[in-house]
Every structure is written in structure tokens, then in C-alpha cells.
Amino acid sequence: IRGRKQDKAAVKLTAFWRGARARLARWHGRLAERLLLAQSGLERAIEARDALEAQRARLYVPVAISSEYTFCDMRFGFQEHKDGYGRKFFVNNDTGETVWERP
């Protein structure tokens, strides 16, 4: 009788470990799938970040504005010139008028 109980216990233990190995294999499979999904998601996120950086680089246009004045402030017809000493003067080509100060 004792041998039969031991046999039954051995069969139950073997079945338990077989089931445990199967559960572990399924768990590893699901874990591997999730890892692949996470890696592909990370790769997509990196690609999106790089595309955004490239787009930002294209959208950035450095603009320098003079602290004295902007080109739009000049009255119609006047153009800026420099004399031999590097001083600025302004000429109205329509009237021939010249002035030292910005019109």
C-alpha cells in the first residue's frame, strides 16, 4: 500500500512540475513579446523625436534686428549710403534730397 501512495505522490509532483514548466514557458513567451513591443515602441519614439528635432531645425530662422532702427522705418524713396569715412547718410532718389539723420 505504501508503494502505491508514493507512486501517486510522485505522479502528482511530476504533473505539478510539468505544469509549472509550461506556465513558466508561457510567462517567458509573453515577457519576450512585451519586450519586443517595448523595444519597437522605443524605436518609434526615438524616430519621432529625431523627426521633431529635424523639423525644429528647419523652422528656426535666426533674425537679427538692429537696435537703432529697422528697415521698415525708412520713409518712402530714401536709401542709406556711406561716405568715404564710413558715415551713414540718406538719399531720396526721387527728389535728390540728402540728409545725415535717418528720415
PDB file of N, CA and C in Angstrom:
ATOM      1  N   ILE A   1       0.834  -1.186   0.000  1.00  0.00           N
ATOM      2  CA  ILE A   1       0.000   0.000   0.000  1.00  0.00           C
ATOM      3  C   ILE A   1       0.873   1.243   0.000  1.00  0.00           C
ATOM      4  N   ARG A   2       1.923   1.149   0.751  1.00  0.00           N
ATOM      5  CA  ARG A   2       2.796   2.300   0.842  1.00  0.00           C
ATOM      6  C   ARG A   2       3.406   2.637  -0.521  1.00  0.00           C
ATOM      7  N   GLY A   3       3.714   1.717  -1.319  1.00  0.00           N
ATOM      8  CA  GLY A   3       4.298   1.936  -2.630  1.00  0.00           C
ATOM      9  C   GLY A   3       3.328   2.650  -3.568  1.00  0.00           C
ATOM     10  N   ARG A   4       2.050   2.317  -3.449  1.00  0.00           N
ATOM     11  CA  ARG A   4       1.059   2.969  -4.303  1.00  0.00           C
ATOM     12  C   ARG A   4       0.925   4.446  -3.951  1.00  0.00           C
ATOM     13  N   LYS A   5       0.928   4.787  -2.664  1.00  0.00           N
ATOM     14  CA  LYS A   5       0.820   6.186  -2.241  1.00  0.00           C
ATOM     15  C   LYS A   5       2.034   6.974  -2.721  1.00  0.00           C
ATOM     16  N   GLN A   6       3.176   6.360  -2.620  1.00  0.00           N
ATOM     17  CA  GLN A   6       4.378   7.033  -3.097  1.00  0.00           C
ATOM     18  C   GLN A   6       4.317   7.225  -4.608  1.00  0.00           C
ATOM     19  N   ASP A   7       3.816   6.269  -5.323  1.00  0.00           N
ATOM     20  CA  ASP A   7       3.680   6.388  -6.772  1.00  0.00           C
ATOM     21  C   ASP A   7       2.720   7.516  -7.132  1.00  0.00           C
ATOM     22  N   LYS A   8       1.578   7.576  -6.405  1.00  0.00           N
ATOM     23  CA  LYS A   8       0.605   8.633  -6.672  1.00  0.00           C
ATOM     24  C   LYS A   8       1.218  10.003  -6.373  1.00  0.00           C
ATOM     25  N   ALA A   9       1.935  10.101  -5.290  1.00  0.00           N
ATOM     26  CA  ALA A   9       2.579  11.366  -4.926  1.00  0.00           C
ATOM     27  C   ALA A   9       3.617  11.750  -5.970  1.00  0.00           C
ATOM     28  N   ALA A  10       4.376  10.797  -6.452  1.00  0.00           N
ATOM     29  CA  ALA A  10       5.378  11.071  -7.480  1.00  0.00           C
ATOM     30  C   ALA A  10       4.713  11.530  -8.776  1.00  0.00           C
ATOM     31  N   VAL A  11       3.584  10.911  -9.131  1.00  0.00           N
ATOM     32  CA  VAL A  11       2.855  11.301 -10.345  1.00  0.00           C
ATOM     33  C   VAL A  11       2.325  12.718 -10.195  1.00  0.00           C
ATOM     34  N   LYS A  12       1.754  13.025  -9.002  1.00  0.00           N
ATOM     35  CA  LYS A  12       1.225  14.373  -8.759  1.00  0.00           C
ATOM     36  C   LYS A  12       2.348  15.416  -8.811  1.00  0.00           C
ATOM     37  N   LEU A  13       3.462  15.092  -8.193  1.00  0.00           N
ATOM     38  CA  LEU A  13       4.600  16.019  -8.194  1.00  0.00           C
ATOM     39  C   LEU A  13       5.127  16.221  -9.610  1.00  0.00           C
ATOM     40  N   THR A  14       5.225  15.170 -10.381  1.00  0.00           N
ATOM     41  CA  THR A  14       5.677  15.280 -11.766  1.00  0.00           C
ATOM     42  C   THR A  14       4.719  16.144 -12.571  1.00  0.00           C
ATOM     43  N   ALA A  15       3.405  15.938 -12.385  1.00  0.00           N
ATOM     44  CA  ALA A  15       2.406  16.739 -13.087  1.00  0.00           C
ATOM     45  C   ALA A  15       2.503  18.209 -12.670  1.00  0.00           C
ATOM     46  N   PHE A  16       2.729  18.429 -11.362  1.00  0.00           N
ATOM     47  CA  PHE A  16       2.865  19.803 -10.879  1.00  0.00           C
ATOM     48  C   PHE A  16       4.039  20.506 -11.556  1.00  0.00           C
ATOM     49  N   TRP A  17       5.196  19.831 -11.577  1.00  0.00           N
ATOM     50  CA  TRP A  17       6.377  20.450 -12.184  1.00  0.00           C
ATOM     51  C   TRP A  17       6.228  20.611 -13.687  1.00  0.00           C
ATOM     52  N   ARG A  18       5.563  19.663 -14.331  1.00  0.00           N
ATOM     53  CA  ARG A  18       5.318  19.795 -15.762  1.00  0.00           C
ATOM     54  C   ARG A  18       4.453  21.031 -16.022  1.00  0.00           C
ATOM     55  N   GLY A  19       3.396  21.210 -15.210  1.00  0.00           N
ATOM     56  CA  GLY A  19       2.527  22.391 -15.330  1.00  0.00           C
ATOM     57  C   GLY A  19       3.280  23.675 -15.023  1.00  0.00           C
ATOM     58  N   ALA A  20       4.137  23.603 -14.010  1.00  0.00           N
ATOM     59  CA  ALA A  20       4.914  24.793 -13.636  1.00  0.00           C
ATOM     60  C   ALA A  20       5.860  25.187 -14.765  1.00  0.00           C
ATOM     61  N   ARG A  21       6.489  24.195 -15.390  1.00  0.00           N
ATOM     62  CA  ARG A  21       7.375  24.492 -16.529  1.00  0.00           C
ATOM     63  C   ARG A  21       6.590  25.095 -17.692  1.00  0.00           C
ATOM     64  N   ALA A  22       5.387  24.574 -17.924  1.00  0.00           N
ATOM     65  CA  ALA A  22       4.557  25.102 -19.010  1.00  0.00           C
ATOM     66  C   ALA A  22       4.143  26.541 -18.707  1.00  0.00           C
ATOM     67  N   ARG A  23       3.752  26.803 -17.454  1.00  0.00           N
ATOM     68  CA  ARG A  23       3.379  28.181 -17.072  1.00  0.00           C
ATOM     69  C   ARG A  23       4.573  29.115 -17.205  1.00  0.00           C
ATOM     70  N   LEU A  24       5.725  28.625 -16.799  1.00  0.00           N
ATOM     71  CA  LEU A  24       6.936  29.437 -16.908  1.00  0.00           C
ATOM     72  C   LEU A  24       7.283  29.721 -18.368  1.00  0.00           C
ATOM     73  N   ALA A  25       7.121  28.740 -19.221  1.00  0.00           N
ATOM     74  CA  ALA A  25       7.397  28.934 -20.647  1.00  0.00           C
ATOM     75  C   ALA A  25       6.425  29.953 -21.244  1.00  0.00           C
ATOM     76  N   ARG A  26       5.133  29.864 -20.862  1.00  0.00           N
ATOM     77  CA  ARG A  26       4.154  30.849 -21.353  1.00  0.00           C
ATOM     78  C   ARG A  26       4.496  32.234 -20.841  1.00  0.00           C
ATOM     79  N   TRP A  27       4.880  32.327 -19.575  1.00  0.00           N
ATOM     80  CA  TRP A  27       5.235  33.610 -18.994  1.00  0.00           C
ATOM     81  C   TRP A  27       6.441  34.212 -19.718  1.00  0.00           C
ATOM     82  N   HIS A  28       7.450  33.373 -19.995  1.00  0.00           N
ATOM     83  CA  HIS A  28       8.623  33.851 -20.734  1.00  0.00           C
ATOM     84  C   HIS A  28       8.233  34.305 -22.136  1.00  0.00           C
ATOM     85  N   GLY A  29       7.331  33.571 -22.776  1.00  0.00           N
ATOM     86  CA  GLY A  29       6.877  33.961 -24.108  1.00  0.00           C
ATOM     87  C   GLY A  29       6.173  35.305 -24.086  1.00  0.00           C
ATOM     88  N   ARG A  30       5.275  35.507 -23.109  1.00  0.00           N
ATOM     89  CA  ARG A  30       4.581  36.795 -23.003  1.00  0.00           C
ATOM     90  C   ARG A  30       5.559  37.912 -22.675  1.00  0.00           C
ATOM     91  N   LEU A  31       6.518  37.603 -21.826  1.00  0.00           N
ATOM     92  CA  LEU A  31       7.527  38.601 -21.477  1.00  0.00           C
ATOM     93  C   LEU A  31       8.359  38.988 -22.699  1.00  0.00           C
ATOM     94  N   ALA A  32       8.731  38.017 -23.504  1.00  0.00           N
ATOM     95  CA  ALA A  32       9.509  38.303 -24.713  1.00  0.00           C
ATOM     96  C   ALA A  32       8.690  39.151 -25.682  1.00  0.00           C
ATOM     97  N   GLU A  33       7.386  38.845 -25.824  1.00  0.00           N
ATOM     98  CA  GLU A  33       6.527  39.649 -26.696  1.00  0.00           C
ATOM     99  C   GLU A  33       6.447  41.087 -26.201  1.00  0.00           C
ATOM    100  N   ARG A  34       6.258  41.249 -24.899  1.00  0.00           N
ATOM    101  CA  ARG A  34       6.186  42.600 -24.332  1.00  0.00           C
ATOM    102  C   ARG A  34       7.498  43.351 -24.498  1.00  0.00           C
ATOM    103  N   LEU A  35       8.592  42.641 -24.367  1.00  0.00           N
ATOM    104  CA  LEU A  35       9.900  43.266 -24.558  1.00  0.00           C
ATOM    105  C   LEU A  35      10.057  43.748 -25.996  1.00  0.00           C
ATOM    106  N   LEU A  36       9.642  42.925 -26.960  1.00  0.00           N
ATOM    107  CA  LEU A  36       9.715  43.333 -28.362  1.00  0.00           C
ATOM    108  C   LEU A  36       8.818  44.536 -28.629  1.00  0.00           C
ATOM    109  N   LEU A  37       7.615  44.530 -28.051  1.00  0.00           N
ATOM    110  CA  LEU A  37       6.724  45.678 -28.217  1.00  0.00           C
ATOM    111  C   LEU A  37       7.328  46.935 -27.613  1.00  0.00           C
ATOM    112  N   ALA A  38       7.927  46.801 -26.444  1.00  0.00           N
ATOM    113  CA  ALA A  38       8.546  47.960 -25.801  1.00  0.00           C
ATOM    114  C   ALA A  38       9.710  48.482 -26.625  1.00  0.00           C
ATOM    115  N   GLN A  39      10.519  47.568 -27.174  1.00  0.00           N
ATOM    116  CA  GLN A  39      11.652  48.000 -27.996  1.00  0.00           C
ATOM    117  C   GLN A  39      11.174  48.702 -29.256  1.00  0.00           C
ATOM    118  N   SER A  40      10.143  48.156 -29.911  1.00  0.00           N
ATOM    119  CA  SER A  40       9.644  48.799 -31.125  1.00  0.00           C
ATOM    120  C   SER A  40       9.011  50.152 -30.786  1.00  0.00           C
ATOM    121  N   GLY A  41       8.322  50.219 -29.643  1.00  0.00           N
ATOM    122  CA  GLY A  41       7.758  51.498 -29.217  1.00  0.00           C
ATOM    123  C   GLY A  41       8.839  52.516 -28.929  1.00  0.00           C
ATOM    124  N   LEU A  42       9.915  52.075 -28.313  1.00  0.00           N
ATOM    125  CA  LEU A  42      11.035  52.975 -28.040  1.00  0.00           C
ATOM    126  C   LEU A  42      11.673  53.445 -29.344  1.00  0.00           C
ATOM    127  N   GLU A  43      11.832  52.534 -30.293  1.00  0.00           N
ATOM    128  CA  GLU A  43      12.406  52.920 -31.584  1.00  0.00           C
ATOM    129  C   GLU A  43      11.513  53.943 -32.287  1.00  0.00           C
ATOM    130  N   ARG A  44      10.192  53.734 -32.231  1.00  0.00           N
ATOM    131  CA  ARG A  44       9.275  54.701 -32.851  1.00  0.00           C
ATOM    132  C   ARG A  44       9.351  56.049 -32.149  1.00  0.00           C
ATOM    133  N   ALA A  45       9.475  56.030 -30.825  1.00  0.00           N
ATOM    134  CA  ALA A  45       9.585  57.278 -30.074  1.00  0.00           C
ATOM    135  C   ALA A  45      10.871  58.019 -30.426  1.00  0.00           C
ATOM    136  N   ILE A  46      11.959  57.280 -30.580  1.00  0.00           N
ATOM    137  CA  ILE A  46      13.232  57.910 -30.952  1.00  0.00           C
ATOM    138  C   ILE A  46      13.143  58.492 -32.359  1.00  0.00           C
ATOM    139  N   GLU A  47      12.525  57.766 -33.280  1.00  0.00           N
ATOM    140  CA  GLU A  47      12.352  58.278 -34.640  1.00  0.00           C
ATOM    141  C   GLU A  47      11.488  59.538 -34.640  1.00  0.00           C
ATOM    142  N   ALA A  48      10.419  59.535 -33.848  1.00  0.00           N
ATOM    143  CA  ALA A  48       9.546  60.712 -33.770  1.00  0.00           C
ATOM    144  C   ALA A  48      10.303  61.897 -33.186  1.00  0.00           C
ATOM    145  N   ARG A  49      11.135  61.631 -32.150  1.00  0.00           N
ATOM    146  CA  ARG A  49      11.918  62.712 -31.564  1.00  0.00           C
ATOM    147  C   ARG A  49      12.902  63.283 -32.580  1.00  0.00           C
ATOM    148  N   ASP A  50      13.565  62.407 -33.333  1.00  0.00           N
ATOM    149  CA  ASP A  50      14.525  62.874 -34.339  1.00  0.00           C
ATOM    150  C   ASP A  50      13.830  63.663 -35.434  1.00  0.00           C
ATOM    151  N   ALA A  51      12.638  63.205 -35.842  1.00  0.00           N
ATOM    152  CA  ALA A  51      11.890  63.937 -36.868  1.00  0.00           C
ATOM    153  C   ALA A  51      11.478  65.307 -36.353  1.00  0.00           C
ATOM    154  N   LEU A  52      11.086  65.377 -35.078  1.00  0.00           N
ATOM    155  CA  LEU A  52      10.705  66.655 -34.489  1.00  0.00           C
ATOM    156  C   LEU A  52      11.901  67.587 -34.412  1.00  0.00           C
ATOM    157  N   GLU A  53      13.056  67.054 -34.023  1.00  0.00           N
ATOM    158  CA  GLU A  53      14.267  67.874 -33.965  1.00  0.00           C
ATOM    159  C   GLU A  53      14.639  68.405 -35.348  1.00  0.00           C
ATOM    160  N   ALA A  54      14.503  67.551 -36.366  1.00  0.00           N
ATOM    161  CA  ALA A  54      14.804  67.988 -37.736  1.00  0.00           C
ATOM    162  C   ALA A  54      13.832  69.068 -38.173  1.00  0.00           C
ATOM    163  N   GLN A  55      12.568  68.913 -37.794  1.00  0.00           N
ATOM    164  CA  GLN A  55      11.572  69.912 -38.162  1.00  0.00           C
ATOM    165  C   GLN A  55      11.846  71.220 -37.438  1.00  0.00           C
ATOM    166  N   ARG A  56      12.217  71.135 -36.158  1.00  0.00           N
ATOM    167  CA  ARG A  56      12.553  72.362 -35.426  1.00  0.00           C
ATOM    168  C   ARG A  56      13.737  73.060 -36.050  1.00  0.00           C
ATOM    169  N   ALA A  57      14.724  72.291 -36.491  1.00  0.00           N
ATOM    170  CA  ALA A  57      15.914  72.882 -37.106  1.00  0.00           C
ATOM    171  C   ALA A  57      15.538  73.617 -38.385  1.00  0.00           C
ATOM    172  N   ARG A  58      14.573  73.065 -39.142  1.00  0.00           N
ATOM    173  CA  ARG A  58      14.150  73.744 -40.369  1.00  0.00           C
ATOM    174  C   ARG A  58      13.323  74.983 -40.064  1.00  0.00           C
ATOM    175  N   LEU A  59      12.565  74.965 -38.962  1.00  0.00           N
ATOM    176  CA  LEU A  59      11.698  76.091 -38.645  1.00  0.00           C
ATOM    177  C   LEU A  59      12.447  77.249 -37.999  1.00  0.00           C
ATOM    178  N   TYR A  60      13.608  76.992 -37.419  1.00  0.00           N
ATOM    179  CA  TYR A  60      14.365  78.032 -36.747  1.00  0.00           C
ATOM    180  C   TYR A  60      15.048  78.914 -37.773  1.00  0.00           C
ATOM    181  N   VAL A  61      14.696  80.173 -37.767  1.00  0.00           N
ATOM    182  CA  VAL A  61      15.317  81.134 -38.667  1.00  0.00           C
ATOM    183  C   VAL A  61      15.861  82.258 -37.804  1.00  0.00           C
ATOM    184  N   PRO A  62      17.170  82.367 -37.677  1.00  0.00           N
ATOM    185  CA  PRO A  62      17.705  83.444 -36.853  1.00  0.00           C
ATOM    186  C   PRO A  62      17.438  84.803 -37.496  1.00  0.00           C
ATOM    187  N   VAL A  63      16.948  85.716 -36.715  1.00  0.00           N
ATOM    188  CA  VAL A  63      16.641  87.052 -37.210  1.00  0.00           C
ATOM    189  C   VAL A  63      17.405  88.043 -36.359  1.00  0.00           C
ATOM    190  N   ALA A  64      18.180  88.864 -36.999  1.00  0.00           N
ATOM    191  CA  ALA A  64      18.909  89.900 -36.287  1.00  0.00           C
ATOM    192  C   ALA A  64      18.217  91.236 -36.529  1.00  0.00           C
ATOM    193  N   ILE A  65      17.891  91.923 -35.462  1.00  0.00           N
ATOM    194  CA  ILE A  65      17.231  93.219 -35.580  1.00  0.00           C
ATOM    195  C   ILE A  65      18.162  94.258 -34.994  1.00  0.00           C
ATOM    196  N   SER A  66      18.377  95.283 -35.747  1.00  0.00           N
ATOM    197  CA  SER A  66      19.259  96.350 -35.291  1.00  0.00           C
ATOM    198  C   SER A  66      18.611  97.080 -34.127  1.00  0.00           C
ATOM    199  N   SER A  67      19.417  97.474 -33.171  1.00  0.00           N
ATOM    200  CA  SER A  67      18.874  98.216 -32.036  1.00  0.00           C
ATOM    201  C   SER A  67      18.585  99.665 -32.407  1.00  0.00           C
ATOM    202  N   GLU A  68      19.190 100.166 -33.493  1.00  0.00           N
ATOM    203  CA  GLU A  68      18.965 101.552 -33.895  1.00  0.00           C
ATOM    204  C   GLU A  68      17.626 101.714 -34.600  1.00  0.00           C
ATOM    205  N   TYR A  69      17.395 100.893 -35.596  1.00  0.00           N
ATOM    206  CA  TYR A  69      16.172 101.015 -36.382  1.00  0.00           C
ATOM    207  C   TYR A  69      16.007  99.766 -37.228  1.00  0.00           C
ATOM    208  N   THR A  70      14.856  99.641 -37.803  1.00  0.00           N
ATOM    209  CA  THR A  70      14.618  98.548 -38.736  1.00  0.00           C
ATOM    210  C   THR A  70      14.451  99.121 -40.122  1.00  0.00           C
ATOM    211  N   PHE A  71      14.555  98.262 -41.108  1.00  0.00           N
ATOM    212  CA  PHE A  71      14.468  98.715 -42.489  1.00  0.00           C
ATOM    213  C   PHE A  71      13.104  99.325 -42.792  1.00  0.00           C
ATOM    214  N   CYS A  72      12.073  98.886 -42.103  1.00  0.00           N
ATOM    215  CA  CYS A  72      10.706  99.350 -42.372  1.00  0.00           C
ATOM    216  C   CYS A  72      10.493 100.797 -41.951  1.00  0.00           C
ATOM    217  N   ASP A  73      11.328 101.328 -41.067  1.00  0.00           N
ATOM    218  CA  ASP A  73      11.116 102.684 -40.567  1.00  0.00           C
ATOM    219  C   ASP A  73      11.508 103.763 -41.573  1.00  0.00           C
ATOM    220  N   MET A  74      12.204 103.416 -42.628  1.00  0.00           N
ATOM    221  CA  MET A  74      12.684 104.399 -43.596  1.00  0.00           C
ATOM    222  C   MET A  74      11.509 104.955 -44.406  1.00  0.00           C
ATOM    223  N   ARG A  75      11.515 106.283 -44.579  1.00  0.00           N
ATOM    224  CA  ARG A  75      10.461 106.905 -45.389  1.00  0.00           C
ATOM    225  C   ARG A  75      10.600 106.477 -46.835  1.00  0.00           C
ATOM    226  N   PHE A  76       9.512 106.492 -47.549  1.00  0.00           N
ATOM    227  CA  PHE A  76       9.490 106.046 -48.934  1.00  0.00           C
ATOM    228  C   PHE A  76      10.431 106.901 -49.779  1.00  0.00           C
ATOM    229  N   GLY A  77      11.244 106.232 -50.600  1.00  0.00           N
ATOM    230  CA  GLY A  77      12.121 106.929 -51.529  1.00  0.00           C
ATOM    231  C   GLY A  77      13.536 107.115 -51.026  1.00  0.00           C
ATOM    232  N   PHE A  78      13.771 107.001 -49.729  1.00  0.00           N
ATOM    233  CA  PHE A  78      15.110 107.197 -49.174  1.00  0.00           C
ATOM    234  C   PHE A  78      15.889 105.886 -49.196  1.00  0.00           C
ATOM    235  N   GLN A  79      17.200 106.015 -49.428  1.00  0.00           N
ATOM    236  CA  GLN A  79      18.106 104.878 -49.363  1.00  0.00           C
ATOM    237  C   GLN A  79      19.310 105.267 -48.515  1.00  0.00           C
ATOM    238  N   GLU A  80      19.862 104.277 -47.823  1.00  0.00           N
ATOM    239  CA  GLU A  80      21.014 104.525 -46.958  1.00  0.00           C
ATOM    240  C   GLU A  80      22.300 104.316 -47.754  1.00  0.00           C
ATOM    241  N   HIS A  81      23.263 105.222 -47.574  1.00  0.00           N
ATOM    242  CA  HIS A  81      24.582 105.116 -48.206  1.00  0.00           C
ATOM    243  C   HIS A  81      25.636 105.461 -47.173  1.00  0.00           C
ATOM    244  N   LYS A  82      26.901 105.208 -47.495  1.00  0.00           N
ATOM    245  CA  LYS A  82      28.011 105.583 -46.613  1.00  0.00           C
ATOM    246  C   LYS A  82      28.995 106.430 -47.401  1.00  0.00           C
ATOM    247  N   ASP A  83      29.548 107.423 -46.720  1.00  0.00           N
ATOM    248  CA  ASP A  83      30.541 108.261 -47.394  1.00  0.00           C
ATOM    249  C   ASP A  83      31.921 107.635 -47.261  1.00  0.00           C
ATOM    250  N   GLY A  84      32.944 108.320 -47.704  1.00  0.00           N
ATOM    251  CA  GLY A  84      34.305 107.811 -47.687  1.00  0.00           C
ATOM    252  C   GLY A  84      34.846 107.526 -46.297  1.00  0.00           C
ATOM    253  N   TYR A  85      34.271 108.152 -45.269  1.00  0.00           N
ATOM    254  CA  TYR A  85      34.710 107.957 -43.896  1.00  0.00           C
ATOM    255  C   TYR A  85      33.870 106.913 -43.162  1.00  0.00           C
ATOM    256  N   GLY A  86      32.940 106.295 -43.857  1.00  0.00           N
ATOM    257  CA  GLY A  86      32.090 105.273 -43.247  1.00  0.00           C
ATOM    258  C   GLY A  86      30.872 105.828 -42.545  1.00  0.00           C
ATOM    259  N   ARG A  87      30.616 107.150 -42.687  1.00  0.00           N
ATOM    260  CA  ARG A  87      29.446 107.745 -42.055  1.00  0.00           C
ATOM    261  C   ARG A  87      28.213 107.486 -42.924  1.00  0.00           C
ATOM    262  N   LYS A  88      27.081 107.248 -42.266  1.00  0.00           N
ATOM    263  CA  LYS A  88      25.841 106.982 -42.993  1.00  0.00           C
ATOM    264  C   LYS A  88      25.174 108.296 -43.384  1.00  0.00           C
ATOM    265  N   PHE A  89      24.633 108.328 -44.578  1.00  0.00           N
ATOM    266  CA  PHE A  89      23.764 109.423 -44.987  1.00  0.00           C
ATOM    267  C   PHE A  89      22.652 108.833 -45.837  1.00  0.00           C
ATOM    268  N   PHE A  90      21.600 109.576 -46.009  1.00  0.00           N
ATOM    269  CA  PHE A  90      20.398 109.074 -46.661  1.00  0.00           C
ATOM    270  C   PHE A  90      20.049 109.949 -47.849  1.00  0.00           C
ATOM    271  N   VAL A  91      19.699 109.292 -48.943  1.00  0.00           N
ATOM    272  CA  VAL A  91      19.419 109.995 -50.192  1.00  0.00           C
ATOM    273  C   VAL A  91      18.018 109.622 -50.655  1.00  0.00           C
ATOM    274  N   ASN A  92      17.252 110.670 -51.030  1.00  0.00           N
ATOM    275  CA  ASN A  92      15.966 110.434 -51.663  1.00  0.00           C
ATOM    276  C   ASN A  92      16.198 110.520 -53.161  1.00  0.00           C
ATOM    277  N   ASN A  93      16.114 109.400 -53.851  1.00  0.00           N
ATOM    278  CA  ASN A  93      16.421 109.372 -55.277  1.00  0.00           C
ATOM    279  C   ASN A  93      15.377 110.114 -56.108  1.00  0.00           C
ATOM    280  N   ASP A  94      14.160 110.262 -55.588  1.00  0.00           N
ATOM    281  CA  ASP A  94      13.121 110.965 -56.341  1.00  0.00           C
ATOM    282  C   ASP A  94      13.350 112.467 -56.330  1.00  0.00           C
ATOM    283  N   THR A  95      13.729 113.016 -55.163  1.00  0.00           N
ATOM    284  CA  THR A  95      13.866 114.480 -55.054  1.00  0.00           C
ATOM    285  C   THR A  95      15.329 114.927 -55.058  1.00  0.00           C
ATOM    286  N   GLY A  96      16.275 113.990 -54.865  1.00  0.00           N
ATOM    287  CA  GLY A  96      17.679 114.371 -54.787  1.00  0.00           C
ATOM    288  C   GLY A  96      18.086 114.875 -53.421  1.00  0.00           C
ATOM    289  N   GLU A  97      17.196 114.870 -52.468  1.00  0.00           N
ATOM    290  CA  GLU A  97      17.468 115.372 -51.123  1.00  0.00           C
ATOM    291  C   GLU A  97      18.409 114.417 -50.403  1.00  0.00           C
ATOM    292  N   THR A  98      19.394 114.980 -49.660  1.00  0.00           N
ATOM    293  CA  THR A  98      20.305 114.159 -48.841  1.00  0.00           C
ATOM    294  C   THR A  98      20.253 114.683 -47.427  1.00  0.00           C
ATOM    295  N   VAL A  99      20.286 113.756 -46.469  1.00  0.00           N
ATOM    296  CA  VAL A  99      20.261 114.132 -45.055  1.00  0.00           C
ATOM    297  C   VAL A  99      21.204 113.193 -44.296  1.00  0.00           C
ATOM    298  N   TRP A 100      21.751 113.722 -43.184  1.00  0.00           N
ATOM    299  CA  TRP A 100      22.631 112.907 -42.369  1.00  0.00           C
ATOM    300  C   TRP A 100      21.845 112.043 -41.383  1.00  0.00           C
ATOM    301  N   GLU A 101      20.730 112.539 -40.894  1.00  0.00           N
ATOM    302  CA  GLU A 101      19.932 111.792 -39.925  1.00  0.00           C
ATOM    303  C   GLU A 101      18.892 110.949 -40.651  1.00  0.00           C
ATOM    304  N   ARG A 102      18.586 109.829 -40.081  1.00  0.00           N
ATOM    305  CA  ARG A 102      17.630 108.903 -40.700  1.00  0.00           C
ATOM    306  C   ARG A 102      16.247 109.559 -40.788  1.00  0.00           C
ATOM    307  N   PRO A 103      15.676 109.577 -41.992  1.00  0.00           N
ATOM    308  CA  PRO A 103      14.355 110.215 -42.150  1.00  0.00           C
ATOM    309  C   PRO A 103      13.244 109.387 -41.517  1.00  0.00           C
TER     310      PRO A 103
END
